[in-house]
Amino acid sequence: MTFLLGLPILVLVLIGVVAFFIHFLPTFVAGSRHVENFWWIFLINLFFGWTLIGWVLALVWAINDTPRFVYRYVPPPYNR
């Protein structure tokens, strides 16, 4: 097994994958909520996400933005 910086390559790859998902968490939240400003949140996260302020701003915006779709329960018609 090849080592780099004293760690196995597999461990470094796993750390990189976890760091990628944590970094783009605001984008994933915005995408799962189908928010209106998804692309703006993605761009803020892409360019300013490496700063803590940009990452928190994108995450708060993704959580508080209005979803494009509003799901409502419509009861079935009452039949006698």
PDB file of N, CA and C in Angstrom:
ATOM      1  N   MET A   1       0.848  -1.168   0.000  1.00  0.00           N
ATOM      2  CA  MET A   1       0.000   0.000   0.000  1.00  0.00           C
ATOM      3  C   MET A   1       0.895   1.233   0.000  1.00  0.00           C
ATOM      4  N   THR A   2       0.543   2.204  -0.815  1.00  0.00           N
ATOM      5  CA  THR A   2       1.337   3.416  -0.939  1.00  0.00           C
ATOM      6  C   THR A   2       0.912   4.424   0.128  1.00  0.00           C
ATOM      7  N   PHE A   3       1.870   5.067   0.719  1.00  0.00           N
ATOM      8  CA  PHE A   3       1.606   6.057   1.762  1.00  0.00           C
ATOM      9  C   PHE A   3       2.015   7.436   1.280  1.00  0.00           C
ATOM     10  N   LEU A   4       1.264   8.423   1.675  1.00  0.00           N
ATOM     11  CA  LEU A   4       1.574   9.813   1.375  1.00  0.00           C
ATOM     12  C   LEU A   4       1.338  10.608   2.644  1.00  0.00           C
ATOM     13  N   LEU A   5       2.327  11.320   3.093  1.00  0.00           N
ATOM     14  CA  LEU A   5       2.261  12.079   4.344  1.00  0.00           C
ATOM     15  C   LEU A   5       1.992  11.167   5.531  1.00  0.00           C
ATOM     16  N   GLY A   6       2.419   9.922   5.444  1.00  0.00           N
ATOM     17  CA  GLY A   6       2.245   8.989   6.535  1.00  0.00           C
ATOM     18  C   GLY A   6       0.873   8.344   6.599  1.00  0.00           C
ATOM     19  N   LEU A   7      -0.002   8.649   5.640  1.00  0.00           N
ATOM     20  CA  LEU A   7      -1.350   8.073   5.619  1.00  0.00           C
ATOM     21  C   LEU A   7      -1.541   7.260   4.340  1.00  0.00           C
ATOM     22  N   PRO A   8      -2.328   6.206   4.421  1.00  0.00           N
ATOM     23  CA  PRO A   8      -2.617   5.458   3.196  1.00  0.00           C
ATOM     24  C   PRO A   8      -3.404   6.328   2.206  1.00  0.00           C
ATOM     25  N   ILE A   9      -3.213   6.067   0.939  1.00  0.00           N
ATOM     26  CA  ILE A   9      -3.884   6.832  -0.106  1.00  0.00           C
ATOM     27  C   ILE A   9      -5.402   6.748   0.047  1.00  0.00           C
ATOM     28  N   LEU A  10      -5.935   5.584   0.408  1.00  0.00           N
ATOM     29  CA  LEU A  10      -7.376   5.414   0.562  1.00  0.00           C
ATOM     30  C   LEU A  10      -7.934   6.351   1.635  1.00  0.00           C
ATOM     31  N   VAL A  11      -7.222   6.510   2.731  1.00  0.00           N
ATOM     32  CA  VAL A  11      -7.662   7.409   3.804  1.00  0.00           C
ATOM     33  C   VAL A  11      -7.668   8.850   3.305  1.00  0.00           C
ATOM     34  N   LEU A  12      -6.660   9.232   2.540  1.00  0.00           N
ATOM     35  CA  LEU A  12      -6.623  10.588   1.999  1.00  0.00           C
ATOM     36  C   LEU A  12      -7.759  10.831   1.007  1.00  0.00           C
ATOM     37  N   VAL A  13      -8.083   9.833   0.219  1.00  0.00           N
ATOM     38  CA  VAL A  13      -9.203   9.974  -0.720  1.00  0.00           C
ATOM     39  C   VAL A  13     -10.516  10.106   0.046  1.00  0.00           C
ATOM     40  N   LEU A  14     -10.713   9.317   1.089  1.00  0.00           N
ATOM     41  CA  LEU A  14     -11.930   9.413   1.894  1.00  0.00           C
ATOM     42  C   LEU A  14     -12.051  10.771   2.577  1.00  0.00           C
ATOM     43  N   ILE A  15     -10.945  11.286   3.067  1.00  0.00           N
ATOM     44  CA  ILE A  15     -10.952  12.620   3.681  1.00  0.00           C
ATOM     45  C   ILE A  15     -11.330  13.666   2.638  1.00  0.00           C
ATOM     46  N   GLY A  16     -10.807  13.529   1.429  1.00  0.00           N
ATOM     47  CA  GLY A  16     -11.133  14.467   0.356  1.00  0.00           C
ATOM     48  C   GLY A  16     -12.607  14.417  -0.031  1.00  0.00           C
ATOM     49  N   VAL A  17     -13.177  13.215  -0.094  1.00  0.00           N
ATOM     50  CA  VAL A  17     -14.598  13.068  -0.442  1.00  0.00           C
ATOM     51  C   VAL A  17     -15.476  13.679   0.639  1.00  0.00           C
ATOM     52  N   VAL A  18     -15.165  13.416   1.892  1.00  0.00           N
ATOM     53  CA  VAL A  18     -15.933  13.987   3.001  1.00  0.00           C
ATOM     54  C   VAL A  18     -15.815  15.515   2.999  1.00  0.00           C
ATOM     55  N   ALA A  19     -14.612  16.037   2.749  1.00  0.00           N
ATOM     56  CA  ALA A  19     -14.423  17.488   2.696  1.00  0.00           C
ATOM     57  C   ALA A  19     -15.214  18.103   1.545  1.00  0.00           C
ATOM     58  N   PHE A  20     -15.281  17.418   0.411  1.00  0.00           N
ATOM     59  CA  PHE A  20     -16.065  17.904  -0.734  1.00  0.00           C
ATOM     60  C   PHE A  20     -17.539  18.007  -0.366  1.00  0.00           C
ATOM     61  N   PHE A  21     -18.094  16.971   0.271  1.00  0.00           N
ATOM     62  CA  PHE A  21     -19.513  16.994   0.623  1.00  0.00           C
ATOM     63  C   PHE A  21     -19.816  18.026   1.697  1.00  0.00           C
ATOM     64  N   ILE A  22     -18.916  18.229   2.635  1.00  0.00           N
ATOM     65  CA  ILE A  22     -19.134  19.264   3.650  1.00  0.00           C
ATOM     66  C   ILE A  22     -19.054  20.651   3.009  1.00  0.00           C
ATOM     67  N   HIS A  23     -18.106  20.840   2.099  1.00  0.00           N
ATOM     68  CA  HIS A  23     -17.953  22.141   1.447  1.00  0.00           C
ATOM     69  C   HIS A  23     -19.191  22.503   0.628  1.00  0.00           C
ATOM     70  N   PHE A  24     -19.762  21.545  -0.084  1.00  0.00           N
ATOM     71  CA  PHE A  24     -20.909  21.822  -0.932  1.00  0.00           C
ATOM     72  C   PHE A  24     -22.239  21.485  -0.269  1.00  0.00           C
ATOM     73  N   LEU A  25     -22.268  21.378   1.039  1.00  0.00           N
ATOM     74  CA  LEU A  25     -23.505  21.115   1.768  1.00  0.00           C
ATOM     75  C   LEU A  25     -24.587  22.165   1.491  1.00  0.00           C
ATOM     76  N   PRO A  26     -24.276  23.468   1.463  1.00  0.00           N
ATOM     77  CA  PRO A  26     -25.328  24.435   1.138  1.00  0.00           C
ATOM     78  C   PRO A  26     -25.939  24.217  -0.244  1.00  0.00           C
ATOM     79  N   THR A  27     -25.129  23.834  -1.205  1.00  0.00           N
ATOM     80  CA  THR A  27     -25.648  23.562  -2.547  1.00  0.00           C
ATOM     81  C   THR A  27     -26.552  22.342  -2.539  1.00  0.00           C
ATOM     82  N   PHE A  28     -26.168  21.301  -1.799  1.00  0.00           N
ATOM     83  CA  PHE A  28     -27.002  20.101  -1.722  1.00  0.00           C
ATOM     84  C   PHE A  28     -28.321  20.395  -1.015  1.00  0.00           C
ATOM     85  N   VAL A  29     -28.290  21.225   0.011  1.00  0.00           N
ATOM     86  CA  VAL A  29     -29.526  21.603   0.712  1.00  0.00           C
ATOM     87  C   VAL A  29     -30.432  22.400  -0.218  1.00  0.00           C
ATOM     88  N   ALA A  30     -29.858  23.354  -0.948  1.00  0.00           N
ATOM     89  CA  ALA A  30     -30.649  24.155  -1.883  1.00  0.00           C
ATOM     90  C   ALA A  30     -31.232  23.288  -2.996  1.00  0.00           C
ATOM     91  N   GLY A  31     -30.476  22.337  -3.478  1.00  0.00           N
ATOM     92  CA  GLY A  31     -30.973  21.458  -4.524  1.00  0.00           C
ATOM     93  C   GLY A  31     -32.069  20.532  -4.042  1.00  0.00           C
ATOM     94  N   SER A  32     -31.943  20.042  -2.842  1.00  0.00           N
ATOM     95  CA  SER A  32     -32.965  19.132  -2.325  1.00  0.00           C
ATOM     96  C   SER A  32     -34.259  19.866  -1.983  1.00  0.00           C
ATOM     97  N   ARG A  33     -34.154  21.148  -1.647  1.00  0.00           N
ATOM     98  CA  ARG A  33     -35.345  21.947  -1.345  1.00  0.00           C
ATOM     99  C   ARG A  33     -35.919  22.615  -2.586  1.00  0.00           C
ATOM    100  N   HIS A  34     -35.244  22.539  -3.721  1.00  0.00           N
ATOM    101  CA  HIS A  34     -35.683  23.153  -4.978  1.00  0.00           C
ATOM    102  C   HIS A  34     -35.940  24.647  -4.793  1.00  0.00           C
ATOM    103  N   VAL A  35     -34.963  25.346  -4.232  1.00  0.00           N
ATOM    104  CA  VAL A  35     -35.149  26.772  -3.960  1.00  0.00           C
ATOM    105  C   VAL A  35     -35.027  27.578  -5.242  1.00  0.00           C
ATOM    106  N   GLU A  36     -35.593  28.775  -5.219  1.00  0.00           N
ATOM    107  CA  GLU A  36     -35.607  29.633  -6.400  1.00  0.00           C
ATOM    108  C   GLU A  36     -34.212  30.117  -6.790  1.00  0.00           C
ATOM    109  N   ASN A  37     -33.378  30.416  -5.830  1.00  0.00           N
ATOM    110  CA  ASN A  37     -32.052  30.977  -6.097  1.00  0.00           C
ATOM    111  C   ASN A  37     -30.951  29.924  -6.023  1.00  0.00           C
ATOM    112  N   PHE A  38     -31.198  28.758  -6.562  1.00  0.00           N
ATOM    113  CA  PHE A  38     -30.228  27.656  -6.481  1.00  0.00           C
ATOM    114  C   PHE A  38     -28.886  28.037  -7.098  1.00  0.00           C
ATOM    115  N   TRP A  39     -28.902  28.633  -8.275  1.00  0.00           N
ATOM    116  CA  TRP A  39     -27.642  28.920  -8.971  1.00  0.00           C
ATOM    117  C   TRP A  39     -26.840  30.002  -8.260  1.00  0.00           C
ATOM    118  N   TRP A  40     -27.510  30.971  -7.649  1.00  0.00           N
ATOM    119  CA  TRP A  40     -26.783  31.987  -6.885  1.00  0.00           C
ATOM    120  C   TRP A  40     -26.140  31.364  -5.650  1.00  0.00           C
ATOM    121  N   ILE A  41     -26.867  30.482  -5.004  1.00  0.00           N
ATOM    122  CA  ILE A  41     -26.307  29.801  -3.829  1.00  0.00           C
ATOM    123  C   ILE A  41     -25.121  28.949  -4.239  1.00  0.00           C
ATOM    124  N   PHE A  42     -25.237  28.256  -5.374  1.00  0.00           N
ATOM    125  CA  PHE A  42     -24.123  27.455  -5.875  1.00  0.00           C
ATOM    126  C   PHE A  42     -22.899  28.326  -6.156  1.00  0.00           C
ATOM    127  N   LEU A  43     -23.098  29.474  -6.799  1.00  0.00           N
ATOM    128  CA  LEU A  43     -21.958  30.345  -7.119  1.00  0.00           C
ATOM    129  C   LEU A  43     -21.319  30.932  -5.867  1.00  0.00           C
ATOM    130  N   ILE A  44     -22.129  31.348  -4.907  1.00  0.00           N
ATOM    131  CA  ILE A  44     -21.580  31.844  -3.634  1.00  0.00           C
ATOM    132  C   ILE A  44     -20.774  30.739  -2.958  1.00  0.00           C
ATOM    133  N   ASN A  45     -21.332  29.529  -2.969  1.00  0.00           N
ATOM    134  CA  ASN A  45     -20.657  28.403  -2.334  1.00  0.00           C
ATOM    135  C   ASN A  45     -19.371  28.050  -3.074  1.00  0.00           C
ATOM    136  N   LEU A  46     -19.391  28.117  -4.391  1.00  0.00           N
ATOM    137  CA  LEU A  46     -18.220  27.762  -5.185  1.00  0.00           C
ATOM    138  C   LEU A  46     -17.073  28.743  -4.987  1.00  0.00           C
ATOM    139  N   PHE A  47     -17.379  30.049  -5.032  1.00  0.00           N
ATOM    140  CA  PHE A  47     -16.324  31.052  -4.989  1.00  0.00           C
ATOM    141  C   PHE A  47     -15.978  31.545  -3.588  1.00  0.00           C
ATOM    142  N   PHE A  48     -16.947  31.534  -2.672  1.00  0.00           N
ATOM    143  CA  PHE A  48     -16.694  32.062  -1.334  1.00  0.00           C
ATOM    144  C   PHE A  48     -16.888  31.024  -0.237  1.00  0.00           C
ATOM    145  N   GLY A  49     -17.174  29.792  -0.607  1.00  0.00           N
ATOM    146  CA  GLY A  49     -17.415  28.755   0.379  1.00  0.00           C
ATOM    147  C   GLY A  49     -16.182  28.376   1.179  1.00  0.00           C
ATOM    148  N   TRP A  50     -15.010  28.648   0.638  1.00  0.00           N
ATOM    149  CA  TRP A  50     -13.790  28.314   1.368  1.00  0.00           C
ATOM    150  C   TRP A  50     -13.592  29.229   2.570  1.00  0.00           C
ATOM    151  N   THR A  51     -14.273  30.401   2.562  1.00  0.00           N
ATOM    152  CA  THR A  51     -14.258  31.237   3.756  1.00  0.00           C
ATOM    153  C   THR A  51     -15.444  30.812   4.612  1.00  0.00           C
ATOM    154  N   LEU A  52     -15.298  30.859   5.868  1.00  0.00           N
ATOM    155  CA  LEU A  52     -16.376  30.439   6.767  1.00  0.00           C
ATOM    156  C   LEU A  52     -17.603  31.332   6.596  1.00  0.00           C
ATOM    157  N   ILE A  53     -17.394  32.620   6.359  1.00  0.00           N
ATOM    158  CA  ILE A  53     -18.515  33.547   6.206  1.00  0.00           C
ATOM    159  C   ILE A  53     -19.310  33.219   4.949  1.00  0.00           C
ATOM    160  N   GLY A  54     -18.649  32.944   3.840  1.00  0.00           N
ATOM    161  CA  GLY A  54     -19.341  32.599   2.603  1.00  0.00           C
ATOM    162  C   GLY A  54     -20.095  31.290   2.718  1.00  0.00           C
ATOM    163  N   TRP A  55     -19.505  30.324   3.407  1.00  0.00           N
ATOM    164  CA  TRP A  55     -20.153  29.021   3.575  1.00  0.00           C
ATOM    165  C   TRP A  55     -21.413  29.151   4.429  1.00  0.00           C
ATOM    166  N   VAL A  56     -21.308  29.890   5.541  1.00  0.00           N
ATOM    167  CA  VAL A  56     -22.466  30.082   6.424  1.00  0.00           C
ATOM    168  C   VAL A  56     -23.540  30.898   5.708  1.00  0.00           C
ATOM    169  N   LEU A  57     -23.156  31.917   4.958  1.00  0.00           N
ATOM    170  CA  LEU A  57     -24.114  32.714   4.203  1.00  0.00           C
ATOM    171  C   LEU A  57     -24.878  31.840   3.205  1.00  0.00           C
ATOM    172  N   ALA A  58     -24.167  30.993   2.475  1.00  0.00           N
ATOM    173  CA  ALA A  58     -24.825  30.118   1.506  1.00  0.00           C
ATOM    174  C   ALA A  58     -25.742  29.113   2.199  1.00  0.00           C
ATOM    175  N   LEU A  59     -25.320  28.581   3.340  1.00  0.00           N
ATOM    176  CA  LEU A  59     -26.140  27.610   4.055  1.00  0.00           C
ATOM    177  C   LEU A  59     -27.413  28.255   4.602  1.00  0.00           C
ATOM    178  N   VAL A  60     -27.295  29.428   5.196  1.00  0.00           N
ATOM    179  CA  VAL A  60     -28.472  30.125   5.727  1.00  0.00           C
ATOM    180  C   VAL A  60     -29.420  30.496   4.597  1.00  0.00           C
ATOM    181  N   TRP A  61     -28.881  30.946   3.481  1.00  0.00           N
ATOM    182  CA  TRP A  61     -29.705  31.297   2.327  1.00  0.00           C
ATOM    183  C   TRP A  61     -30.417  30.070   1.769  1.00  0.00           C
ATOM    184  N   ALA A  62     -29.724  28.949   1.720  1.00  0.00           N
ATOM    185  CA  ALA A  62     -30.333  27.711   1.210  1.00  0.00           C
ATOM    186  C   ALA A  62     -31.461  27.231   2.114  1.00  0.00           C
ATOM    187  N   ILE A  63     -31.305  27.407   3.407  1.00  0.00           N
ATOM    188  CA  ILE A  63     -32.331  26.953   4.344  1.00  0.00           C
ATOM    189  C   ILE A  63     -33.538  27.888   4.345  1.00  0.00           C
ATOM    190  N   ASN A  64     -33.305  29.192   4.219  1.00  0.00           N
ATOM    191  CA  ASN A  64     -34.390  30.162   4.354  1.00  0.00           C
ATOM    192  C   ASN A  64     -35.029  30.584   3.043  1.00  0.00           C
ATOM    193  N   ASP A  65     -34.493  30.175   1.911  1.00  0.00           N
ATOM    194  CA  ASP A  65     -35.053  30.595   0.631  1.00  0.00           C
ATOM    195  C   ASP A  65     -36.383  29.900   0.364  1.00  0.00           C
ATOM    196  N   THR A  66     -37.195  30.526  -0.474  1.00  0.00           N
ATOM    197  CA  THR A  66     -38.514  30.006  -0.801  1.00  0.00           C
ATOM    198  C   THR A  66     -38.382  28.849  -1.791  1.00  0.00           C
ATOM    199  N   PRO A  67     -38.981  27.714  -1.486  1.00  0.00           N
ATOM    200  CA  PRO A  67     -38.952  26.608  -2.454  1.00  0.00           C
ATOM    201  C   PRO A  67     -39.767  26.947  -3.699  1.00  0.00           C
ATOM    202  N   ARG A  68     -39.355  26.403  -4.840  1.00  0.00           N
ATOM    203  CA  ARG A  68     -40.092  26.630  -6.081  1.00  0.00           C
ATOM    204  C   ARG A  68     -41.444  25.950  -6.067  1.00  0.00           C
ATOM    205  N   PHE A  69     -41.529  24.841  -5.371  1.00  0.00           N
ATOM    206  CA  PHE A  69     -42.767  24.068  -5.339  1.00  0.00           C
ATOM    207  C   PHE A  69     -43.299  24.047  -3.925  1.00  0.00           C
ATOM    208  N   VAL A  70     -44.609  24.208  -3.788  1.00  0.00           N
ATOM    209  CA  VAL A  70     -45.252  24.097  -2.491  1.00  0.00           C
ATOM    210  C   VAL A  70     -46.135  22.862  -2.542  1.00  0.00           C
ATOM    211  N   TYR A  71     -45.858  21.933  -1.670  1.00  0.00           N
ATOM    212  CA  TYR A  71     -46.620  20.694  -1.640  1.00  0.00           C
ATOM    213  C   TYR A  71     -47.758  20.837  -0.640  1.00  0.00           C
ATOM    214  N   ARG A  72     -48.950  20.523  -1.092  1.00  0.00           N
ATOM    215  CA  ARG A  72     -50.113  20.602  -0.223  1.00  0.00           C
ATOM    216  C   ARG A  72     -50.871  19.296  -0.283  1.00  0.00           C
ATOM    217  N   TYR A  73     -51.471  18.968   0.812  1.00  0.00           N
ATOM    218  CA  TYR A  73     -52.301  17.767   0.863  1.00  0.00           C
ATOM    219  C   TYR A  73     -53.702  18.128   0.404  1.00  0.00           C
ATOM    220  N   VAL A  74     -54.172  17.435  -0.591  1.00  0.00           N
ATOM    221  CA  VAL A  74     -55.539  17.618  -1.057  1.00  0.00           C
ATOM    222  C   VAL A  74     -56.277  16.318  -0.737  1.00  0.00           C
ATOM    223  N   PRO A  75     -57.249  16.393   0.162  1.00  0.00           N
ATOM    224  CA  PRO A  75     -57.955  15.165   0.532  1.00  0.00           C
ATOM    225  C   PRO A  75     -58.771  14.645  -0.642  1.00  0.00           C
ATOM    226  N   PRO A  76     -58.946  13.344  -0.695  1.00  0.00           N
ATOM    227  CA  PRO A  76     -59.765  12.787  -1.776  1.00  0.00           C
ATOM    228  C   PRO A  76     -61.200  13.253  -1.623  1.00  0.00           C
ATOM    229  N   PRO A  77     -61.949  13.268  -2.729  1.00  0.00           N
ATOM    230  CA  PRO A  77     -63.357  13.715  -2.638  1.00  0.00           C
ATOM    231  C   PRO A  77     -64.172  12.749  -1.797  1.00  0.00           C
ATOM    232  N   TYR A  78     -65.129  13.321  -1.105  1.00  0.00           N
ATOM    233  CA  TYR A  78     -65.982  12.520  -0.234  1.00  0.00           C
ATOM    234  C   TYR A  78     -67.119  11.934  -1.065  1.00  0.00           C
ATOM    235  N   ASN A  79     -67.177  10.633  -1.143  1.00  0.00           N
ATOM    236  CA  ASN A  79     -68.237   9.951  -1.901  1.00  0.00           C
ATOM    237  C   ASN A  79     -69.153   9.219  -0.935  1.00  0.00           C
ATOM    238  N   ARG A  80     -70.445   9.363  -1.149  1.00  0.00           N
ATOM    239  CA  ARG A  80     -71.427   8.632  -0.325  1.00  0.00           C
ATOM    240  C   ARG A  80     -71.957   7.463  -1.067  1.00  0.00           C
TER     241      ARG A  80
END
